[in-house]
Amino acid sequence: MATKKIAAISFAGSPGLRNGTLALEWPLEVDGVRLVEIELRRLTGADMVALQDIATRDGFDDAELFALVCDQPAAMLRALDQDDWLALKEKVLDFLPRRFREAAESLTRAPAA
């Protein structure tokens, strides 16, 4: 049986933001190119499969999760300044599925004073 080709797929009329940007307070230089911001996006079904694989591995690393949401590899994200890392950690929550976001918020966000 032949597989039918899928036409171009995009999200239509989404209720919230699917993409965002984090401006770095402490920009990096990566291979001679100045990195001043990081693009973030909501995960797709394929990304969720990758996330499940990452989460079940020994030595799970936040940077690997962040790399799924961001446009940068985990190794580069680990090089961020501590303030930019914390800002990214906070911003990533907005792009995770509800189920993961609710669990992660209790571990990531500081309690209200």
PDB file of N, CA and C in Angstrom:
ATOM      1  N   MET A   1       0.844  -1.172   0.000  1.00  0.00           N
ATOM      2  CA  MET A   1       0.000   0.000   0.000  1.00  0.00           C
ATOM      3  C   MET A   1       0.895   1.244   0.000  1.00  0.00           C
ATOM      4  N   ALA A   2       0.652   2.166  -0.879  1.00  0.00           N
ATOM      5  CA  ALA A   2       1.430   3.394  -0.973  1.00  0.00           C
ATOM      6  C   ALA A   2       1.032   4.367   0.128  1.00  0.00           C
ATOM      7  N   THR A   3       2.018   5.071   0.646  1.00  0.00           N
ATOM      8  CA  THR A   3       1.756   6.069   1.677  1.00  0.00           C
ATOM      9  C   THR A   3       1.408   7.389   1.010  1.00  0.00           C
ATOM     10  N   LYS A   4       0.322   7.977   1.440  1.00  0.00           N
ATOM     11  CA  LYS A   4      -0.111   9.259   0.877  1.00  0.00           C
ATOM     12  C   LYS A   4       0.768  10.376   1.428  1.00  0.00           C
ATOM     13  N   LYS A   5       1.231  11.253   0.551  1.00  0.00           N
ATOM     14  CA  LYS A   5       2.037  12.395   0.978  1.00  0.00           C
ATOM     15  C   LYS A   5       1.162  13.384   1.738  1.00  0.00           C
ATOM     16  N   ILE A   6       1.724  13.955   2.778  1.00  0.00           N
ATOM     17  CA  ILE A   6       1.012  14.940   3.588  1.00  0.00           C
ATOM     18  C   ILE A   6       1.322  16.329   3.055  1.00  0.00           C
ATOM     19  N   ALA A   7       0.290  17.130   2.912  1.00  0.00           N
ATOM     20  CA  ALA A   7       0.466  18.515   2.481  1.00  0.00           C
ATOM     21  C   ALA A   7       1.121  19.312   3.611  1.00  0.00           C
ATOM     22  N   ALA A   8       1.485  20.526   3.344  1.00  0.00           N
ATOM     23  CA  ALA A   8       2.070  21.398   4.360  1.00  0.00           C
ATOM     24  C   ALA A   8       1.107  21.541   5.535  1.00  0.00           C
ATOM     25  N   ILE A   9       1.635  21.417   6.743  1.00  0.00           N
ATOM     26  CA  ILE A   9       0.821  21.488   7.958  1.00  0.00           C
ATOM     27  C   ILE A   9       1.264  22.685   8.789  1.00  0.00           C
ATOM     28  N   SER A  10       0.303  23.422   9.312  1.00  0.00           N
ATOM     29  CA  SER A  10       0.608  24.528  10.211  1.00  0.00           C
ATOM     30  C   SER A  10      -0.531  24.653  11.218  1.00  0.00           C
ATOM     31  N   PHE A  11      -0.290  25.365  12.292  1.00  0.00           N
ATOM     32  CA  PHE A  11      -1.316  25.583  13.307  1.00  0.00           C
ATOM     33  C   PHE A  11      -2.195  26.747  12.871  1.00  0.00           C
ATOM     34  N   ALA A  12      -3.501  26.563  12.997  1.00  0.00           N
ATOM     35  CA  ALA A  12      -4.449  27.592  12.567  1.00  0.00           C
ATOM     36  C   ALA A  12      -5.251  28.075  13.761  1.00  0.00           C
ATOM     37  N   GLY A  13      -5.288  29.373  13.957  1.00  0.00           N
ATOM     38  CA  GLY A  13      -6.125  29.954  14.991  1.00  0.00           C
ATOM     39  C   GLY A  13      -5.815  29.474  16.399  1.00  0.00           C
ATOM     40  N   SER A  14      -4.536  29.307  16.708  1.00  0.00           N
ATOM     41  CA  SER A  14      -4.154  28.861  18.045  1.00  0.00           C
ATOM     42  C   SER A  14      -4.535  29.897  19.088  1.00  0.00           C
ATOM     43  N   PRO A  15      -5.019  29.458  20.267  1.00  0.00           N
ATOM     44  CA  PRO A  15      -5.475  30.396  21.299  1.00  0.00           C
ATOM     45  C   PRO A  15      -4.343  31.133  22.011  1.00  0.00           C
ATOM     46  N   GLY A  16      -3.147  30.613  21.959  1.00  0.00           N
ATOM     47  CA  GLY A  16      -2.030  31.251  22.667  1.00  0.00           C
ATOM     48  C   GLY A  16      -0.800  31.351  21.789  1.00  0.00           C
ATOM     49  N   LEU A  17       0.236  31.882  22.364  1.00  0.00           N
ATOM     50  CA  LEU A  17       1.494  32.020  21.643  1.00  0.00           C
ATOM     51  C   LEU A  17       2.142  30.665  21.451  1.00  0.00           C
ATOM     52  N   ARG A  18       2.616  30.403  20.260  1.00  0.00           N
ATOM     53  CA  ARG A  18       3.355  29.168  19.983  1.00  0.00           C
ATOM     54  C   ARG A  18       4.852  29.428  19.976  1.00  0.00           C
ATOM     55  N   ASN A  19       5.242  30.704  19.869  1.00  0.00           N
ATOM     56  CA  ASN A  19       6.655  31.070  19.801  1.00  0.00           C
ATOM     57  C   ASN A  19       6.914  32.263  20.708  1.00  0.00           C
ATOM     58  N   GLY A  20       8.145  32.395  21.120  1.00  0.00           N
ATOM     59  CA  GLY A  20       8.535  33.537  21.943  1.00  0.00           C
ATOM     60  C   GLY A  20      10.034  33.733  21.873  1.00  0.00           C
ATOM     61  N   THR A  21      10.487  34.797  22.499  1.00  0.00           N
ATOM     62  CA  THR A  21      11.904  35.140  22.478  1.00  0.00           C
ATOM     63  C   THR A  21      12.356  35.528  23.873  1.00  0.00           C
ATOM     64  N   LEU A  22      13.549  35.108  24.232  1.00  0.00           N
ATOM     65  CA  LEU A  22      14.175  35.527  25.477  1.00  0.00           C
ATOM     66  C   LEU A  22      15.415  36.335  25.125  1.00  0.00           C
ATOM     67  N   ALA A  23      15.419  37.620  25.466  1.00  0.00           N
ATOM     68  CA  ALA A  23      16.597  38.457  25.260  1.00  0.00           C
ATOM     69  C   ALA A  23      17.606  38.124  26.357  1.00  0.00           C
ATOM     70  N   LEU A  24      18.841  37.885  25.965  1.00  0.00           N
ATOM     71  CA  LEU A  24      19.883  37.548  26.930  1.00  0.00           C
ATOM     72  C   LEU A  24      20.463  38.809  27.555  1.00  0.00           C
ATOM     73  N   GLU A  25      20.558  38.810  28.861  1.00  0.00           N
ATOM     74  CA  GLU A  25      21.205  39.907  29.569  1.00  0.00           C
ATOM     75  C   GLU A  25      22.718  39.831  29.355  1.00  0.00           C
ATOM     76  N   TRP A  26      23.212  38.620  29.236  1.00  0.00           N
ATOM     77  CA  TRP A  26      24.637  38.354  29.045  1.00  0.00           C
ATOM     78  C   TRP A  26      24.818  37.562  27.741  1.00  0.00           C
ATOM     79  N   PRO A  27      24.826  38.260  26.591  1.00  0.00           N
ATOM     80  CA  PRO A  27      24.941  37.569  25.298  1.00  0.00           C
ATOM     81  C   PRO A  27      26.206  36.709  25.220  1.00  0.00           C
ATOM     82  N   LEU A  28      26.132  35.681  24.407  1.00  0.00           N
ATOM     83  CA  LEU A  28      27.261  34.789  24.164  1.00  0.00           C
ATOM     84  C   LEU A  28      27.780  35.007  22.752  1.00  0.00           C
ATOM     85  N   GLU A  29      28.986  34.561  22.519  1.00  0.00           N
ATOM     86  CA  GLU A  29      29.508  34.502  21.164  1.00  0.00           C
ATOM     87  C   GLU A  29      29.682  33.025  20.847  1.00  0.00           C
ATOM     88  N   VAL A  30      28.997  32.556  19.810  1.00  0.00           N
ATOM     89  CA  VAL A  30      29.011  31.148  19.428  1.00  0.00           C
ATOM     90  C   VAL A  30      29.570  31.045  18.012  1.00  0.00           C
ATOM     91  N   ASP A  31      30.726  30.408  17.897  1.00  0.00           N
ATOM     92  CA  ASP A  31      31.400  30.282  16.596  1.00  0.00           C
ATOM     93  C   ASP A  31      31.530  31.634  15.901  1.00  0.00           C
ATOM     94  N   GLY A  32      31.885  32.660  16.674  1.00  0.00           N
ATOM     95  CA  GLY A  32      32.107  33.987  16.122  1.00  0.00           C
ATOM     96  C   GLY A  32      30.847  34.800  15.881  1.00  0.00           C
ATOM     97  N   VAL A  33      29.684  34.247  16.197  1.00  0.00           N
ATOM     98  CA  VAL A  33      28.416  34.953  15.995  1.00  0.00           C
ATOM     99  C   VAL A  33      27.839  35.318  17.357  1.00  0.00           C
ATOM    100  N   ARG A  34      27.471  36.578  17.505  1.00  0.00           N
ATOM    101  CA  ARG A  34      26.916  37.063  18.771  1.00  0.00           C
ATOM    102  C   ARG A  34      25.479  36.564  18.931  1.00  0.00           C
ATOM    103  N   LEU A  35      25.218  35.898  20.042  1.00  0.00           N
ATOM    104  CA  LEU A  35      23.886  35.386  20.346  1.00  0.00           C
ATOM    105  C   LEU A  35      23.276  36.286  21.405  1.00  0.00           C
ATOM    106  N   VAL A  36      22.257  37.062  21.022  1.00  0.00           N
ATOM    107  CA  VAL A  36      21.648  38.033  21.933  1.00  0.00           C
ATOM    108  C   VAL A  36      20.255  37.622  22.393  1.00  0.00           C
ATOM    109  N   GLU A  37      19.680  36.616  21.734  1.00  0.00           N
ATOM    110  CA  GLU A  37      18.353  36.143  22.129  1.00  0.00           C
ATOM    111  C   GLU A  37      18.205  34.672  21.779  1.00  0.00           C
ATOM    112  N   ILE A  38      17.255  34.051  22.458  1.00  0.00           N
ATOM    113  CA  ILE A  38      16.950  32.649  22.219  1.00  0.00           C
ATOM    114  C   ILE A  38      15.473  32.553  21.853  1.00  0.00           C
ATOM    115  N   GLU A  39      15.194  31.840  20.770  1.00  0.00           N
ATOM    116  CA  GLU A  39      13.819  31.619  20.333  1.00  0.00           C
ATOM    117  C   GLU A  39      13.269  30.391  21.051  1.00  0.00           C
ATOM    118  N   LEU A  40      12.016  30.465  21.486  1.00  0.00           N
ATOM    119  CA  LEU A  40      11.341  29.348  22.128  1.00  0.00           C
ATOM    120  C   LEU A  40      10.082  29.021  21.342  1.00  0.00           C
ATOM    121  N   ARG A  41       9.656  27.752  21.436  1.00  0.00           N
ATOM    122  CA  ARG A  41       8.442  27.335  20.732  1.00  0.00           C
ATOM    123  C   ARG A  41       7.765  26.220  21.518  1.00  0.00           C
ATOM    124  N   ARG A  42       6.476  26.079  21.314  1.00  0.00           N
ATOM    125  CA  ARG A  42       5.735  24.977  21.929  1.00  0.00           C
ATOM    126  C   ARG A  42       6.157  23.673  21.271  1.00  0.00           C
ATOM    127  N   LEU A  43       6.071  22.601  22.029  1.00  0.00           N
ATOM    128  CA  LEU A  43       6.467  21.288  21.539  1.00  0.00           C
ATOM    129  C   LEU A  43       5.400  20.692  20.631  1.00  0.00           C
ATOM    130  N   THR A  44       5.837  19.838  19.723  1.00  0.00           N
ATOM    131  CA  THR A  44       4.932  19.069  18.870  1.00  0.00           C
ATOM    132  C   THR A  44       4.838  17.648  19.427  1.00  0.00           C
ATOM    133  N   GLY A  45       4.008  16.829  18.818  1.00  0.00           N
ATOM    134  CA  GLY A  45       3.914  15.434  19.227  1.00  0.00           C
ATOM    135  C   GLY A  45       5.253  14.715  19.107  1.00  0.00           C
ATOM    136  N   ALA A  46       5.975  14.967  18.030  1.00  0.00           N
ATOM    137  CA  ALA A  46       7.295  14.344  17.847  1.00  0.00           C
ATOM    138  C   ALA A  46       8.261  14.789  18.951  1.00  0.00           C
ATOM    139  N   ASP A  47       8.183  16.063  19.338  1.00  0.00           N
ATOM    140  CA  ASP A  47       9.029  16.556  20.429  1.00  0.00           C
ATOM    141  C   ASP A  47       8.685  15.858  21.742  1.00  0.00           C
ATOM    142  N   MET A  48       7.403  15.566  21.955  1.00  0.00           N
ATOM    143  CA  MET A  48       6.978  14.894  23.180  1.00  0.00           C
ATOM    144  C   MET A  48       7.558  13.484  23.258  1.00  0.00           C
ATOM    145  N   VAL A  49       7.660  12.809  22.131  1.00  0.00           N
ATOM    146  CA  VAL A  49       8.294  11.486  22.106  1.00  0.00           C
ATOM    147  C   VAL A  49       9.759  11.626  22.529  1.00  0.00           C
ATOM    148  N   ALA A  50      10.442  12.632  21.998  1.00  0.00           N
ATOM    149  CA  ALA A  50      11.835  12.876  22.370  1.00  0.00           C
ATOM    150  C   ALA A  50      11.946  13.236  23.850  1.00  0.00           C
ATOM    151  N   LEU A  51      11.009  14.031  24.347  1.00  0.00           N
ATOM    152  CA  LEU A  51      11.013  14.421  25.760  1.00  0.00           C
ATOM    153  C   LEU A  51      10.855  13.200  26.659  1.00  0.00           C
ATOM    154  N   GLN A  52       9.968  12.301  26.306  1.00  0.00           N
ATOM    155  CA  GLN A  52       9.776  11.087  27.103  1.00  0.00           C
ATOM    156  C   GLN A  52      11.055  10.260  27.134  1.00  0.00           C
ATOM    157  N   ASP A  53      11.754  10.198  26.011  1.00  0.00           N
ATOM    158  CA  ASP A  53      13.017   9.473  25.943  1.00  0.00           C
ATOM    159  C   ASP A  53      14.065  10.128  26.848  1.00  0.00           C
ATOM    160  N   ILE A  54      14.148  11.452  26.792  1.00  0.00           N
ATOM    161  CA  ILE A  54      15.111  12.195  27.616  1.00  0.00           C
ATOM    162  C   ILE A  54      14.798  12.021  29.095  1.00  0.00           C
ATOM    163  N   ALA A  55      13.531  12.121  29.451  1.00  0.00           N
ATOM    164  CA  ALA A  55      13.117  12.078  30.858  1.00  0.00           C
ATOM    165  C   ALA A  55      13.362  10.712  31.499  1.00  0.00           C
ATOM    166  N   THR A  56      13.389   9.657  30.708  1.00  0.00           N
ATOM    167  CA  THR A  56      13.585   8.326  31.275  1.00  0.00           C
ATOM    168  C   THR A  56      15.049   7.908  31.325  1.00  0.00           C
ATOM    169  N   ARG A  57      15.937   8.691  30.736  1.00  0.00           N
ATOM    170  CA  ARG A  57      17.371   8.391  30.762  1.00  0.00           C
ATOM    171  C   ARG A  57      17.971   8.700  32.121  1.00  0.00           C
ATOM    172  N   ASP A  58      18.983   7.949  32.510  1.00  0.00           N
ATOM    173  CA  ASP A  58      19.741   8.278  33.718  1.00  0.00           C
ATOM    174  C   ASP A  58      20.459   9.591  33.481  1.00  0.00           C
ATOM    175  N   GLY A  59      20.537  10.416  34.509  1.00  0.00           N
ATOM    176  CA  GLY A  59      21.231  11.695  34.386  1.00  0.00           C
ATOM    177  C   GLY A  59      20.465  12.725  33.585  1.00  0.00           C
ATOM    178  N   PHE A  60      19.128  12.709  33.682  1.00  0.00           N
ATOM    179  CA  PHE A  60      18.294  13.697  32.981  1.00  0.00           C
ATOM    180  C   PHE A  60      18.814  15.095  33.261  1.00  0.00           C
ATOM    181  N   ASP A  61      18.888  15.906  32.244  1.00  0.00           N
ATOM    182  CA  ASP A  61      19.476  17.242  32.314  1.00  0.00           C
ATOM    183  C   ASP A  61      18.464  18.263  31.787  1.00  0.00           C
ATOM    184  N   ASP A  62      18.182  19.302  32.587  1.00  0.00           N
ATOM    185  CA  ASP A  62      17.255  20.359  32.152  1.00  0.00           C
ATOM    186  C   ASP A  62      17.627  20.913  30.780  1.00  0.00           C
ATOM    187  N   ALA A  63      18.919  21.053  30.505  1.00  0.00           N
ATOM    188  CA  ALA A  63      19.350  21.651  29.240  1.00  0.00           C
ATOM    189  C   ALA A  63      18.859  20.849  28.042  1.00  0.00           C
ATOM    190  N   GLU A  64      18.710  19.543  28.192  1.00  0.00           N
ATOM    191  CA  GLU A  64      18.204  18.718  27.091  1.00  0.00           C
ATOM    192  C   GLU A  64      16.727  19.028  26.829  1.00  0.00           C
ATOM    193  N   LEU A  65      15.969  19.219  27.894  1.00  0.00           N
ATOM    194  CA  LEU A  65      14.571  19.622  27.746  1.00  0.00           C
ATOM    195  C   LEU A  65      14.497  21.001  27.113  1.00  0.00           C
ATOM    196  N   PHE A  66      15.295  21.937  27.617  1.00  0.00           N
ATOM    197  CA  PHE A  66      15.281  23.303  27.098  1.00  0.00           C
ATOM    198  C   PHE A  66      15.619  23.316  25.605  1.00  0.00           C
ATOM    199  N   ALA A  67      16.543  22.443  25.173  1.00  0.00           N
ATOM    200  CA  ALA A  67      16.941  22.397  23.768  1.00  0.00           C
ATOM    201  C   ALA A  67      15.768  21.997  22.873  1.00  0.00           C
ATOM    202  N   LEU A  68      14.837  21.194  23.395  1.00  0.00           N
ATOM    203  CA  LEU A  68      13.651  20.852  22.614  1.00  0.00           C
ATOM    204  C   LEU A  68      12.761  22.074  22.398  1.00  0.00           C
ATOM    205  N   VAL A  69      12.701  22.946  23.396  1.00  0.00           N
ATOM    206  CA  VAL A  69      11.837  24.128  23.354  1.00  0.00           C
ATOM    207  C   VAL A  69      12.526  25.289  22.640  1.00  0.00           C
ATOM    208  N   CYS A  70      13.849  25.305  22.684  1.00  0.00           N
ATOM    209  CA  CYS A  70      14.630  26.432  22.147  1.00  0.00           C
ATOM    210  C   CYS A  70      15.227  26.121  20.780  1.00  0.00           C
ATOM    211  N   ASP A  71      15.837  27.124  20.222  1.00  0.00           N
ATOM    212  CA  ASP A  71      16.495  26.971  18.931  1.00  0.00           C
ATOM    213  C   ASP A  71      17.993  26.740  19.087  1.00  0.00           C
ATOM    214  N   GLN A  72      18.426  26.285  20.256  1.00  0.00           N
ATOM    215  CA  GLN A  72      19.851  26.116  20.536  1.00  0.00           C
ATOM    216  C   GLN A  72      20.124  24.734  21.132  1.00  0.00           C
ATOM    217  N   PRO A  73      21.317  24.195  20.903  1.00  0.00           N
ATOM    218  CA  PRO A  73      21.653  22.887  21.476  1.00  0.00           C
ATOM    219  C   PRO A  73      21.888  22.975  22.989  1.00  0.00           C
ATOM    220  N   ALA A  74      21.728  21.846  23.668  1.00  0.00           N
ATOM    221  CA  ALA A  74      21.882  21.790  25.122  1.00  0.00           C
ATOM    222  C   ALA A  74      23.250  22.287  25.572  1.00  0.00           C
ATOM    223  N   ALA A  75      24.302  21.946  24.856  1.00  0.00           N
ATOM    224  CA  ALA A  75      25.654  22.367  25.245  1.00  0.00           C
ATOM    225  C   ALA A  75      25.774  23.886  25.281  1.00  0.00           C
ATOM    226  N   MET A  76      25.153  24.566  24.326  1.00  0.00           N
ATOM    227  CA  MET A  76      25.193  26.028  24.314  1.00  0.00           C
ATOM    228  C   MET A  76      24.374  26.587  25.468  1.00  0.00           C
ATOM    229  N   LEU A  77      23.225  25.997  25.741  1.00  0.00           N
ATOM    230  CA  LEU A  77      22.376  26.491  26.824  1.00  0.00           C
ATOM    231  C   LEU A  77      23.075  26.355  28.172  1.00  0.00           C
ATOM    232  N   ARG A  78      23.872  25.313  28.348  1.00  0.00           N
ATOM    233  CA  ARG A  78      24.624  25.129  29.599  1.00  0.00           C
ATOM    234  C   ARG A  78      25.658  26.233  29.804  1.00  0.00           C
ATOM    235  N   ALA A  79      26.050  26.889  28.723  1.00  0.00           N
ATOM    236  CA  ALA A  79      27.059  27.950  28.809  1.00  0.00           C
ATOM    237  C   ALA A  79      26.474  29.308  29.182  1.00  0.00           C
ATOM    238  N   LEU A  80      25.152  29.412  29.273  1.00  0.00           N
ATOM    239  CA  LEU A  80      24.518  30.691  29.606  1.00  0.00           C
ATOM    240  C   LEU A  80      24.945  31.189  30.985  1.00  0.00           C
ATOM    241  N   ASP A  81      24.975  32.489  31.135  1.00  0.00           N
ATOM    242  CA  ASP A  81      25.174  33.104  32.445  1.00  0.00           C
ATOM    243  C   ASP A  81      24.060  32.636  33.373  1.00  0.00           C
ATOM    244  N   GLN A  82      24.355  32.587  34.647  1.00  0.00           N
ATOM    245  CA  GLN A  82      23.369  32.083  35.620  1.00  0.00           C
ATOM    246  C   GLN A  82      22.047  32.844  35.589  1.00  0.00           C
ATOM    247  N   ASP A  83      22.079  34.165  35.421  1.00  0.00           N
ATOM    248  CA  ASP A  83      20.831  34.929  35.370  1.00  0.00           C
ATOM    249  C   ASP A  83      20.033  34.607  34.109  1.00  0.00           C
ATOM    250  N   ASP A  84      20.712  34.453  32.984  1.00  0.00           N
ATOM    251  CA  ASP A  84      20.025  34.084  31.746  1.00  0.00           C
ATOM    252  C   ASP A  84      19.489  32.653  31.844  1.00  0.00           C
ATOM    253  N   TRP A  85      20.234  31.758  32.497  1.00  0.00           N
ATOM    254  CA  TRP A  85      19.769  30.377  32.695  1.00  0.00           C
ATOM    255  C   TRP A  85      18.465  30.366  33.493  1.00  0.00           C
ATOM    256  N   LEU A  86      18.423  31.129  34.578  1.00  0.00           N
ATOM    257  CA  LEU A  86      17.212  31.172  35.407  1.00  0.00           C
ATOM    258  C   LEU A  86      16.046  31.805  34.659  1.00  0.00           C
ATOM    259  N   ALA A  87      16.327  32.834  33.872  1.00  0.00           N
ATOM    260  CA  ALA A  87      15.272  33.466  33.066  1.00  0.00           C
ATOM    261  C   ALA A  87      14.742  32.484  32.021  1.00  0.00           C
ATOM    262  N   LEU A  88      15.643  31.714  31.427  1.00  0.00           N
ATOM    263  CA  LEU A  88      15.226  30.714  30.445  1.00  0.00           C
ATOM    264  C   LEU A  88      14.385  29.634  31.116  1.00  0.00           C
ATOM    265  N   LYS A  89      14.818  29.182  32.278  1.00  0.00           N
ATOM    266  CA  LYS A  89      14.091  28.149  33.007  1.00  0.00           C
ATOM    267  C   LYS A  89      12.657  28.599  33.293  1.00  0.00           C
ATOM    268  N   GLU A  90      12.502  29.860  33.670  1.00  0.00           N
ATOM    269  CA  GLU A  90      11.175  30.422  33.940  1.00  0.00           C
ATOM    270  C   GLU A  90      10.344  30.509  32.653  1.00  0.00           C
ATOM    271  N   LYS A  91      10.957  30.963  31.578  1.00  0.00           N
ATOM    272  CA  LYS A  91      10.246  31.175  30.312  1.00  0.00           C
ATOM    273  C   LYS A  91       9.852  29.854  29.651  1.00  0.00           C
ATOM    274  N   VAL A  92      10.694  28.828  29.798  1.00  0.00           N
ATOM    275  CA  VAL A  92      10.396  27.529  29.195  1.00  0.00           C
ATOM    276  C   VAL A  92       9.062  26.989  29.703  1.00  0.00           C
ATOM    277  N   LEU A  93       8.734  27.277  30.954  1.00  0.00           N
ATOM    278  CA  LEU A  93       7.478  26.793  31.530  1.00  0.00           C
ATOM    279  C   LEU A  93       6.274  27.199  30.690  1.00  0.00           C
ATOM    280  N   ASP A  94       6.330  28.397  30.106  1.00  0.00           N
ATOM    281  CA  ASP A  94       5.208  28.894  29.305  1.00  0.00           C
ATOM    282  C   ASP A  94       5.000  28.102  28.015  1.00  0.00           C
ATOM    283  N   PHE A  95       5.998  27.311  27.618  1.00  0.00           N
ATOM    284  CA  PHE A  95       5.935  26.594  26.349  1.00  0.00           C
ATOM    285  C   PHE A  95       5.780  25.085  26.513  1.00  0.00           C
ATOM    286  N   LEU A  96       5.669  24.630  27.755  1.00  0.00           N
ATOM    287  CA  LEU A  96       5.481  23.209  28.016  1.00  0.00           C
ATOM    288  C   LEU A  96       3.990  22.865  28.009  1.00  0.00           C
ATOM    289  N   PRO A  97       3.662  21.607  27.731  1.00  0.00           N
ATOM    290  CA  PRO A  97       2.258  21.185  27.841  1.00  0.00           C
ATOM    291  C   PRO A  97       1.760  21.383  29.267  1.00  0.00           C
ATOM    292  N   ARG A  98       0.470  21.643  29.428  1.00  0.00           N
ATOM    293  CA  ARG A  98      -0.109  21.921  30.751  1.00  0.00           C
ATOM    294  C   ARG A  98       0.324  20.916  31.812  1.00  0.00           C
ATOM    295  N   ARG A  99       0.238  19.638  31.482  1.00  0.00           N
ATOM    296  CA  ARG A  99       0.549  18.590  32.450  1.00  0.00           C
ATOM    297  C   ARG A  99       1.985  18.710  32.978  1.00  0.00           C
ATOM    298  N   PHE A 100       2.925  18.949  32.086  1.00  0.00           N
ATOM    299  CA  PHE A 100       4.320  19.092  32.488  1.00  0.00           C
ATOM    300  C   PHE A 100       4.562  20.429  33.172  1.00  0.00           C
ATOM    301  N   ARG A 101       3.898  21.465  32.680  1.00  0.00           N
ATOM    302  CA  ARG A 101       4.071  22.805  33.238  1.00  0.00           C
ATOM    303  C   ARG A 101       3.650  22.840  34.702  1.00  0.00           C
ATOM    304  N   GLU A 102       2.513  22.260  35.011  1.00  0.00           N
ATOM    305  CA  GLU A 102       2.027  22.274  36.391  1.00  0.00           C
ATOM    306  C   GLU A 102       2.994  21.560  37.326  1.00  0.00           C
ATOM    307  N   ALA A 103       3.547  20.438  36.892  1.00  0.00           N
ATOM    308  CA  ALA A 103       4.507  19.698  37.714  1.00  0.00           C
ATOM    309  C   ALA A 103       5.810  20.487  37.849  1.00  0.00           C
ATOM    310  N   ALA A 104       6.268  21.067  36.741  1.00  0.00           N
ATOM    311  CA  ALA A 104       7.542  21.789  36.750  1.00  0.00           C
ATOM    312  C   ALA A 104       7.465  23.102  37.529  1.00  0.00           C
ATOM    313  N   GLU A 105       6.319  23.764  37.515  1.00  0.00           N
ATOM    314  CA  GLU A 105       6.188  25.046  38.217  1.00  0.00           C
ATOM    315  C   GLU A 105       6.467  24.894  39.708  1.00  0.00           C
ATOM    316  N   SER A 106       6.008  23.821  40.298  1.00  0.00           N
ATOM    317  CA  SER A 106       6.221  23.642  41.721  1.00  0.00           C
ATOM    318  C   SER A 106       7.690  23.425  42.051  1.00  0.00           C
ATOM    319  N   LEU A 107       8.457  22.952  41.074  1.00  0.00           N
ATOM    320  CA  LEU A 107       9.891  22.717  41.303  1.00  0.00           C
ATOM    321  C   LEU A 107      10.742  23.906  40.891  1.00  0.00           C
ATOM    322  N   THR A 108      10.246  24.720  39.963  1.00  0.00           N
ATOM    323  CA  THR A 108      11.069  25.764  39.359  1.00  0.00           C
ATOM    324  C   THR A 108      10.843  27.153  39.934  1.00  0.00           C
ATOM    325  N   ARG A 109       9.600  27.529  40.099  1.00  0.00           N
ATOM    326  CA  ARG A 109       9.316  28.906  40.519  1.00  0.00           C
ATOM    327  C   ARG A 109       9.471  29.043  42.014  1.00  0.00           C
ATOM    328  N   ALA A 110      10.011  30.166  42.427  1.00  0.00           N
ATOM    329  CA  ALA A 110      10.201  30.437  43.857  1.00  0.00           C
ATOM    330  C   ALA A 110       8.850  30.670  44.508  1.00  0.00           C
ATOM    331  N   PRO A 111       8.673  30.220  45.746  1.00  0.00           N
ATOM    332  CA  PRO A 111       7.410  30.457  46.429  1.00  0.00           C
ATOM    333  C   PRO A 111       7.170  31.950  46.656  1.00  0.00           C
ATOM    334  N   ALA A 112       5.909  32.342  46.639  1.00  0.00           N
ATOM    335  CA  ALA A 112       5.561  33.748  46.861  1.00  0.00           C
ATOM    336  C   ALA A 112       5.869  34.128  48.299  1.00  0.00           C
ATOM    337  N   ALA A 113       6.316  35.355  48.474  1.00  0.00           N
ATOM    338  CA  ALA A 113       6.662  35.832  49.815  1.00  0.00           C
ATOM    339  C   ALA A 113       5.441  36.281  50.574  1.00  0.00           C
TER     340      ALA A 113
END
